[in-house]
Amino acid sequence: MDLLSVDERRKTEVRDDITLGSTPKATYYLLLSISVLIAGFGVVTNSPAVVIGAMLVSPLMTPIFGISLGLVRGNMPLFRKAFVAEFGGVLIAIVVAAILGMFPFAQEVTPEMLSRTSPTLLDLLVAALAGTAGCLAMIDARISPVLPGIAMATALTPPLAVCGLCVAFGAFEGAWGAFLLFFANFLAILAVSAALFIVAGFVSREEMGSGLSVLKRFLAPVIGLILVTILLTNAK
């Protein structure tokens, strides 16, 4: 099924771009640390414009596509590489933000921080829409120029910055809420990108394997998405 009519050359380019962007290397973690610091300063100073700047330079979305593509194709080397990049990045982001939160100037709670500690189902929907747009822009070269705008909608780095700041403050309930927002965004982007990769013909029937093997590969993400949906449904 190839409803998006992506030619083989473009598919190869996309796979190569995702593989490169999912590689856990020093420049990736450096860019992420810079993004987190920008986001941290943005939420501490209550500046939406600065927070938007952090979203524009964040590299966190591409490894999610790498995890997704690795799962649907059964490409475990790509999956492992992207997983290390994403969740190594998550840990580094929280630690960097927590260090920032130890400085006196960063210890004031602002509306920008509070807005990211109480996620709802609407946040999950926004993440799914942004993930769909992001994956389409990655797949189709004609709409790739809109990727920076899409990055502003995915909001992956700011919740991690708030999570780290809340940890530094000892506000663990707020830290959990911010992490839940990130995790909801992560799962939503993972789900919609997997569907789009299949629809766009990035996965052959042989690579997908049987329905049972696909279910096994996606069991953890599906369970996670169900649990997050329940938590967000019951959120006050």
C-alpha atoms as a PDB file:
ATOM      1  CA  MET A   1       0.000   0.000   0.000  1.00  0.00           C
ATOM      2  CA  ASP A   2       1.674   3.220  -1.160  1.00  0.00           C
ATOM      3  CA  LEU A   3      -0.938   5.948  -0.794  1.00  0.00           C
ATOM      4  CA  LEU A   4       1.584   8.771  -0.461  1.00  0.00           C
ATOM      5  CA  SER A   5       3.385   7.829  -3.717  1.00  0.00           C
ATOM      6  CA  VAL A   6       6.925   8.211  -2.411  1.00  0.00           C
ATOM      7  CA  ASP A   7       9.528   7.064  -4.934  1.00  0.00           C
ATOM      8  CA  GLU A   8      12.317   4.690  -3.968  1.00  0.00           C
ATOM      9  CA  ARG A   9      15.020   7.341  -4.128  1.00  0.00           C
ATOM     10  CA  ARG A  10      13.142   9.538  -1.668  1.00  0.00           C
ATOM     11  CA  LYS A  11      12.531   6.568   0.618  1.00  0.00           C
ATOM     12  CA  THR A  12      16.257   5.871   0.678  1.00  0.00           C
ATOM     13  CA  GLU A  13      16.999   9.529   1.442  1.00  0.00           C
ATOM     14  CA  VAL A  14      14.474   9.566   4.285  1.00  0.00           C
ATOM     15  CA  ARG A  15      15.812   6.352   5.787  1.00  0.00           C
ATOM     16  CA  ASP A  16      19.362   7.720   5.602  1.00  0.00           C
ATOM     17  CA  ASP A  17      18.320  11.044   7.175  1.00  0.00           C
ATOM     18  CA  ILE A  18      16.489   9.297  10.000  1.00  0.00           C
ATOM     19  CA  THR A  19      19.404   6.944  10.626  1.00  0.00           C
ATOM     20  CA  LEU A  20      21.841   9.860  10.735  1.00  0.00           C
ATOM     21  CA  GLY A  21      19.586  11.934  13.004  1.00  0.00           C
ATOM     22  CA  SER A  22      19.088   8.962  15.324  1.00  0.00           C
ATOM     23  CA  THR A  23      22.799   8.426  15.918  1.00  0.00           C
ATOM     24  CA  PRO A  24      23.797   9.139  19.537  1.00  0.00           C
ATOM     25  CA  LYS A  25      26.913  11.250  19.117  1.00  0.00           C
ATOM     26  CA  ALA A  26      28.511  14.203  20.884  1.00  0.00           C
ATOM     27  CA  THR A  27      27.053  16.870  18.591  1.00  0.00           C
ATOM     28  CA  TYR A  28      23.541  15.469  19.121  1.00  0.00           C
ATOM     29  CA  TYR A  29      23.830  15.676  22.900  1.00  0.00           C
ATOM     30  CA  LEU A  30      25.489  19.096  22.729  1.00  0.00           C
ATOM     31  CA  LEU A  31      22.662  20.492  20.592  1.00  0.00           C
ATOM     32  CA  LEU A  32      20.124  18.949  22.946  1.00  0.00           C
ATOM     33  CA  SER A  33      21.836  20.478  25.993  1.00  0.00           C
ATOM     34  CA  ILE A  34      21.773  23.893  24.314  1.00  0.00           C
ATOM     35  CA  SER A  35      18.096  23.421  23.487  1.00  0.00           C
ATOM     36  CA  VAL A  36      17.295  22.487  27.096  1.00  0.00           C
ATOM     37  CA  LEU A  37      19.177  25.486  28.468  1.00  0.00           C
ATOM     38  CA  ILE A  38      17.311  27.794  26.084  1.00  0.00           C
ATOM     39  CA  ALA A  39      14.011  26.205  27.137  1.00  0.00           C
ATOM     40  CA  GLY A  40      15.004  26.478  30.794  1.00  0.00           C
ATOM     41  CA  PHE A  41      15.792  30.178  30.480  1.00  0.00           C
ATOM     42  CA  GLY A  42      12.557  30.619  28.551  1.00  0.00           C
ATOM     43  CA  VAL A  43      10.308  29.103  31.201  1.00  0.00           C
ATOM     44  CA  VAL A  44      12.224  30.756  34.070  1.00  0.00           C
ATOM     45  CA  THR A  45      11.882  34.198  32.478  1.00  0.00           C
ATOM     46  CA  ASN A  46       8.320  33.393  31.379  1.00  0.00           C
ATOM     47  CA  SER A  47       9.216  34.096  27.746  1.00  0.00           C
ATOM     48  CA  PRO A  48       7.211  32.087  25.171  1.00  0.00           C
ATOM     49  CA  ALA A  49       9.449  33.390  22.372  1.00  0.00           C
ATOM     50  CA  VAL A  50      12.562  31.919  23.996  1.00  0.00           C
ATOM     51  CA  VAL A  51      10.767  28.606  24.581  1.00  0.00           C
ATOM     52  CA  ILE A  52       9.843  28.531  20.890  1.00  0.00           C
ATOM     53  CA  GLY A  53      13.510  29.048  20.060  1.00  0.00           C
ATOM     54  CA  ALA A  54      14.367  25.976  22.128  1.00  0.00           C
ATOM     55  CA  MET A  55      11.866  23.888  20.174  1.00  0.00           C
ATOM     56  CA  LEU A  56      13.426  24.978  16.888  1.00  0.00           C
ATOM     57  CA  VAL A  57      16.884  23.643  17.772  1.00  0.00           C
ATOM     58  CA  SER A  58      15.787  20.486  19.587  1.00  0.00           C
ATOM     59  CA  PRO A  59      16.958  17.241  17.905  1.00  0.00           C
ATOM     60  CA  LEU A  60      14.602  14.960  19.864  1.00  0.00           C
ATOM     61  CA  MET A  61      11.994  14.298  17.176  1.00  0.00           C
ATOM     62  CA  THR A  62      14.185  12.468  14.643  1.00  0.00           C
ATOM     63  CA  PRO A  63      15.140   9.597  17.009  1.00  0.00           C
ATOM     64  CA  ILE A  64      11.422   9.032  17.626  1.00  0.00           C
ATOM     65  CA  PHE A  65      11.051   8.502  13.887  1.00  0.00           C
ATOM     66  CA  GLY A  66      14.054   6.174  14.103  1.00  0.00           C
ATOM     67  CA  ILE A  67      12.427   4.110  16.853  1.00  0.00           C
ATOM     68  CA  SER A  68       9.201   4.004  14.845  1.00  0.00           C
ATOM     69  CA  LEU A  69      10.853   3.017  11.563  1.00  0.00           C
ATOM     70  CA  GLY A  70      13.017   0.442  13.323  1.00  0.00           C
ATOM     71  CA  LEU A  71       9.960  -1.167  14.897  1.00  0.00           C
ATOM     72  CA  VAL A  72       7.812  -1.319  11.766  1.00  0.00           C
ATOM     73  CA  ARG A  73      10.672  -2.693   9.642  1.00  0.00           C
ATOM     74  CA  GLY A  74      12.011  -5.001  12.312  1.00  0.00           C
ATOM     75  CA  ASN A  75      15.348  -3.172  12.026  1.00  0.00           C
ATOM     76  CA  MET A  76      16.674  -3.708  15.527  1.00  0.00           C
ATOM     77  CA  PRO A  77      20.055  -1.967  14.996  1.00  0.00           C
ATOM     78  CA  LEU A  78      18.219   1.234  13.997  1.00  0.00           C
ATOM     79  CA  PHE A  79      15.761   0.796  16.861  1.00  0.00           C
ATOM     80  CA  ARG A  80      18.524   0.367  19.442  1.00  0.00           C
ATOM     81  CA  LYS A  81      20.525   3.307  18.090  1.00  0.00           C
ATOM     82  CA  ALA A  82      17.485   5.607  18.107  1.00  0.00           C
ATOM     83  CA  PHE A  83      16.365   4.371  21.539  1.00  0.00           C
ATOM     84  CA  VAL A  84      19.770   5.180  23.045  1.00  0.00           C
ATOM     85  CA  ALA A  85      19.753   8.612  21.394  1.00  0.00           C
ATOM     86  CA  GLU A  86      16.222   9.438  22.583  1.00  0.00           C
ATOM     87  CA  PHE A  87      16.318   8.209  26.150  1.00  0.00           C
ATOM     88  CA  GLY A  88      19.955   9.096  26.690  1.00  0.00           C
ATOM     89  CA  GLY A  89      18.894  12.543  25.547  1.00  0.00           C
ATOM     90  CA  VAL A  90      15.951  12.553  27.961  1.00  0.00           C
ATOM     91  CA  LEU A  91      18.235  11.812  30.912  1.00  0.00           C
ATOM     92  CA  ILE A  92      20.763  14.440  29.859  1.00  0.00           C
ATOM     93  CA  ALA A  93      18.004  17.015  29.347  1.00  0.00           C
ATOM     94  CA  ILE A  94      16.575  16.468  32.824  1.00  0.00           C
ATOM     95  CA  VAL A  95      20.026  16.582  34.450  1.00  0.00           C
ATOM     96  CA  VAL A  96      21.026  19.772  32.606  1.00  0.00           C
ATOM     97  CA  ALA A  97      17.754  21.458  33.584  1.00  0.00           C
ATOM     98  CA  ALA A  98      18.125  20.289  37.196  1.00  0.00           C
ATOM     99  CA  ILE A  99      21.600  21.844  37.342  1.00  0.00           C
ATOM    100  CA  LEU A 100      20.164  25.081  35.947  1.00  0.00           C
ATOM    101  CA  GLY A 101      17.478  24.963  38.635  1.00  0.00           C
ATOM    102  CA  MET A 102      20.105  25.045  41.385  1.00  0.00           C
ATOM    103  CA  PHE A 103      20.995  28.651  40.563  1.00  0.00           C
ATOM    104  CA  PRO A 104      19.043  31.282  42.546  1.00  0.00           C
ATOM    105  CA  PHE A 105      17.905  33.190  39.445  1.00  0.00           C
ATOM    106  CA  ALA A 106      16.178  30.045  38.141  1.00  0.00           C
ATOM    107  CA  GLN A 107      14.136  29.257  41.231  1.00  0.00           C
ATOM    108  CA  GLU A 108      10.992  31.265  40.522  1.00  0.00           C
ATOM    109  CA  VAL A 109       7.885  29.379  39.407  1.00  0.00           C
ATOM    110  CA  THR A 110       6.317  31.011  36.344  1.00  0.00           C
ATOM    111  CA  PRO A 111       3.140  30.472  34.282  1.00  0.00           C
ATOM    112  CA  GLU A 112       5.288  28.978  31.492  1.00  0.00           C
ATOM    113  CA  MET A 113       6.399  26.295  33.942  1.00  0.00           C
ATOM    114  CA  LEU A 114       2.977  25.636  35.431  1.00  0.00           C
ATOM    115  CA  SER A 115       1.397  25.226  31.994  1.00  0.00           C
ATOM    116  CA  ARG A 116       3.584  22.155  31.419  1.00  0.00           C
ATOM    117  CA  THR A 117       2.893  20.349  34.679  1.00  0.00           C
ATOM    118  CA  SER A 118      -0.781  19.486  34.116  1.00  0.00           C
ATOM    119  CA  PRO A 119      -1.125  17.669  30.764  1.00  0.00           C
ATOM    120  CA  THR A 120      -4.532  16.706  29.370  1.00  0.00           C
ATOM    121  CA  LEU A 121      -5.919  14.631  26.518  1.00  0.00           C
ATOM    122  CA  LEU A 122      -5.830  17.774  24.392  1.00  0.00           C
ATOM    123  CA  ASP A 123      -2.027  17.751  24.672  1.00  0.00           C
ATOM    124  CA  LEU A 124      -2.014  14.165  23.403  1.00  0.00           C
ATOM    125  CA  LEU A 125      -4.167  15.170  20.424  1.00  0.00           C
ATOM    126  CA  VAL A 126      -1.921  18.131  19.606  1.00  0.00           C
ATOM    127  CA  ALA A 127       1.138  15.861  19.761  1.00  0.00           C
ATOM    128  CA  ALA A 128      -0.516  13.357  17.412  1.00  0.00           C
ATOM    129  CA  LEU A 129      -1.342  16.089  14.897  1.00  0.00           C
ATOM    130  CA  ALA A 130       2.138  17.603  15.142  1.00  0.00           C
ATOM    131  CA  GLY A 131       3.722  14.173  14.794  1.00  0.00           C
ATOM    132  CA  THR A 132       1.630  13.490  11.698  1.00  0.00           C
ATOM    133  CA  ALA A 133       2.685  16.784  10.158  1.00  0.00           C
ATOM    134  CA  GLY A 134       6.318  16.205  11.113  1.00  0.00           C
ATOM    135  CA  CYS A 135       6.424  12.738   9.614  1.00  0.00           C
ATOM    136  CA  LEU A 136       4.725  13.938   6.417  1.00  0.00           C
ATOM    137  CA  ALA A 137       7.286  16.731   6.126  1.00  0.00           C
ATOM    138  CA  MET A 138      10.090  14.231   6.629  1.00  0.00           C
ATOM    139  CA  ILE A 139       8.649  11.902   3.973  1.00  0.00           C
ATOM    140  CA  ASP A 140       7.630  14.448   1.326  1.00  0.00           C
ATOM    141  CA  ALA A 141      10.409  16.775   0.166  1.00  0.00           C
ATOM    142  CA  ARG A 142       7.827  19.272  -1.107  1.00  0.00           C
ATOM    143  CA  ILE A 143       6.668  20.120   2.406  1.00  0.00           C
ATOM    144  CA  SER A 144       9.988  19.643   4.229  1.00  0.00           C
ATOM    145  CA  PRO A 145      10.483  23.437   4.531  1.00  0.00           C
ATOM    146  CA  VAL A 146       7.661  23.547   7.104  1.00  0.00           C
ATOM    147  CA  LEU A 147       9.606  21.311   9.513  1.00  0.00           C
ATOM    148  CA  PRO A 148      10.777  24.243  11.694  1.00  0.00           C
ATOM    149  CA  GLY A 149       7.164  25.280  12.227  1.00  0.00           C
ATOM    150  CA  ILE A 150       6.206  21.723  13.069  1.00  0.00           C
ATOM    151  CA  ALA A 151       9.053  21.536  15.583  1.00  0.00           C
ATOM    152  CA  MET A 152       7.388  24.363  17.497  1.00  0.00           C
ATOM    153  CA  ALA A 153       4.213  22.296  17.843  1.00  0.00           C
ATOM    154  CA  THR A 154       5.805  19.053  19.050  1.00  0.00           C
ATOM    155  CA  ALA A 155       7.043  20.606  22.315  1.00  0.00           C
ATOM    156  CA  LEU A 156       9.420  17.830  23.340  1.00  0.00           C
ATOM    157  CA  THR A 157      12.210  19.795  25.021  1.00  0.00           C
ATOM    158  CA  PRO A 158      10.283  22.315  27.191  1.00  0.00           C
ATOM    159  CA  PRO A 159       8.523  19.636  29.306  1.00  0.00           C
ATOM    160  CA  LEU A 160      11.891  18.001  30.005  1.00  0.00           C
ATOM    161  CA  ALA A 161      13.340  21.369  31.008  1.00  0.00           C
ATOM    162  CA  VAL A 162      10.430  21.924  33.388  1.00  0.00           C
ATOM    163  CA  CYS A 163      10.831  18.387  34.722  1.00  0.00           C
ATOM    164  CA  GLY A 164      14.486  19.009  35.577  1.00  0.00           C
ATOM    165  CA  LEU A 165      13.739  22.394  37.129  1.00  0.00           C
ATOM    166  CA  CYS A 166      10.992  20.882  39.281  1.00  0.00           C
ATOM    167  CA  VAL A 167      13.377  18.140  40.425  1.00  0.00           C
ATOM    168  CA  ALA A 168      15.825  20.857  41.502  1.00  0.00           C
ATOM    169  CA  PHE A 169      13.023  22.600  43.410  1.00  0.00           C
ATOM    170  CA  GLY A 170      11.898  19.359  45.061  1.00  0.00           C
ATOM    171  CA  ALA A 171       8.521  19.778  43.329  1.00  0.00           C
ATOM    172  CA  PHE A 172       8.236  16.141  42.339  1.00  0.00           C
ATOM    173  CA  GLU A 173       4.532  16.259  41.493  1.00  0.00           C
ATOM    174  CA  GLY A 174       5.261  18.996  38.978  1.00  0.00           C
ATOM    175  CA  ALA A 175       8.229  17.015  37.657  1.00  0.00           C
ATOM    176  CA  TRP A 176       5.986  13.993  37.114  1.00  0.00           C
ATOM    177  CA  GLY A 177       3.379  16.097  35.310  1.00  0.00           C
ATOM    178  CA  ALA A 178       6.001  17.597  32.998  1.00  0.00           C
ATOM    179  CA  PHE A 179       7.526  14.194  32.267  1.00  0.00           C
ATOM    180  CA  LEU A 180       4.067  12.785  31.570  1.00  0.00           C
ATOM    181  CA  LEU A 181       3.547  15.565  29.019  1.00  0.00           C
ATOM    182  CA  PHE A 182       6.804  14.632  27.285  1.00  0.00           C
ATOM    183  CA  PHE A 183       5.989  10.921  27.374  1.00  0.00           C
ATOM    184  CA  ALA A 184       2.509  11.515  25.945  1.00  0.00           C
ATOM    185  CA  ASN A 185       4.062  13.542  23.118  1.00  0.00           C
ATOM    186  CA  PHE A 186       6.638  10.808  22.518  1.00  0.00           C
ATOM    187  CA  LEU A 187       4.062   8.011  22.307  1.00  0.00           C
ATOM    188  CA  ALA A 188       1.691  10.004  20.092  1.00  0.00           C
ATOM    189  CA  ILE A 189       4.467  10.845  17.615  1.00  0.00           C
ATOM    190  CA  LEU A 190       5.674   7.235  17.683  1.00  0.00           C
ATOM    191  CA  ALA A 191       2.199   5.887  16.897  1.00  0.00           C
ATOM    192  CA  VAL A 192       1.299   8.234  14.052  1.00  0.00           C
ATOM    193  CA  SER A 193       4.731   8.014  12.414  1.00  0.00           C
ATOM    194  CA  ALA A 194       4.590   4.203  12.447  1.00  0.00           C
ATOM    195  CA  ALA A 195       1.231   4.326  10.681  1.00  0.00           C
ATOM    196  CA  LEU A 196       2.507   6.809   8.097  1.00  0.00           C
ATOM    197  CA  PHE A 197       5.647   4.799   7.349  1.00  0.00           C
ATOM    198  CA  ILE A 198       3.450   1.788   6.617  1.00  0.00           C
ATOM    199  CA  VAL A 199       0.982   3.765   4.482  1.00  0.00           C
ATOM    200  CA  ALA A 200       3.812   5.452   2.547  1.00  0.00           C
ATOM    201  CA  GLY A 201       5.299   2.102   1.584  1.00  0.00           C
ATOM    202  CA  PHE A 202       8.493   2.302   3.646  1.00  0.00           C
ATOM    203  CA  VAL A 203       7.944  -1.235   4.884  1.00  0.00           C
ATOM    204  CA  SER A 204       7.699  -4.359   2.741  1.00  0.00           C
ATOM    205  CA  ARG A 205       5.492  -7.265   3.733  1.00  0.00           C
ATOM    206  CA  GLU A 206       8.621  -9.340   4.392  1.00  0.00           C
ATOM    207  CA  GLU A 207      10.079  -6.674   6.692  1.00  0.00           C
ATOM    208  CA  MET A 208       6.855  -6.334   8.651  1.00  0.00           C
ATOM    209  CA  GLY A 209       6.527 -10.072   9.162  1.00  0.00           C
ATOM    210  CA  SER A 210       3.394 -11.627  10.584  1.00  0.00           C
ATOM    211  CA  GLY A 211       0.754  -9.712  12.474  1.00  0.00           C
ATOM    212  CA  LEU A 212       1.904 -11.433  15.658  1.00  0.00           C
ATOM    213  CA  SER A 213       5.496 -10.264  15.230  1.00  0.00           C
ATOM    214  CA  VAL A 214       4.333  -6.680  14.646  1.00  0.00           C
ATOM    215  CA  LEU A 215       2.170  -6.882  17.764  1.00  0.00           C
ATOM    216  CA  LYS A 216       5.121  -8.119  19.804  1.00  0.00           C
ATOM    217  CA  ARG A 217       7.322  -5.254  18.615  1.00  0.00           C
ATOM    218  CA  PHE A 218       4.680  -2.631  19.400  1.00  0.00           C
ATOM    219  CA  LEU A 219       3.305  -4.201  22.582  1.00  0.00           C
ATOM    220  CA  ALA A 220       5.186  -1.908  24.970  1.00  0.00           C
ATOM    221  CA  PRO A 221       4.318   1.328  23.082  1.00  0.00           C
ATOM    222  CA  VAL A 222       0.650   0.310  22.812  1.00  0.00           C
ATOM    223  CA  ILE A 223       0.425  -0.466  26.525  1.00  0.00           C
ATOM    224  CA  GLY A 224       2.203   2.808  27.291  1.00  0.00           C
ATOM    225  CA  LEU A 225      -0.197   4.787  25.112  1.00  0.00           C
ATOM    226  CA  ILE A 226      -3.207   3.174  26.792  1.00  0.00           C
ATOM    227  CA  LEU A 227      -1.849   3.928  30.272  1.00  0.00           C
ATOM    228  CA  VAL A 228      -0.996   7.519  29.368  1.00  0.00           C
ATOM    229  CA  THR A 229      -4.456   8.019  27.876  1.00  0.00           C
ATOM    230  CA  ILE A 230      -6.025   6.745  31.103  1.00  0.00           C
ATOM    231  CA  LEU A 231      -3.828   9.037  33.206  1.00  0.00           C
ATOM    232  CA  LEU A 232      -4.648  12.062  31.060  1.00  0.00           C
ATOM    233  CA  THR A 233      -8.352  11.213  31.081  1.00  0.00           C
ATOM    234  CA  ASN A 234      -8.315  11.246  34.883  1.00  0.00           C
ATOM    235  CA  ALA A 235      -6.137  14.351  35.113  1.00  0.00           C
ATOM    236  CA  LYS A 236      -7.662  17.205  37.049  1.00  0.00           C
END
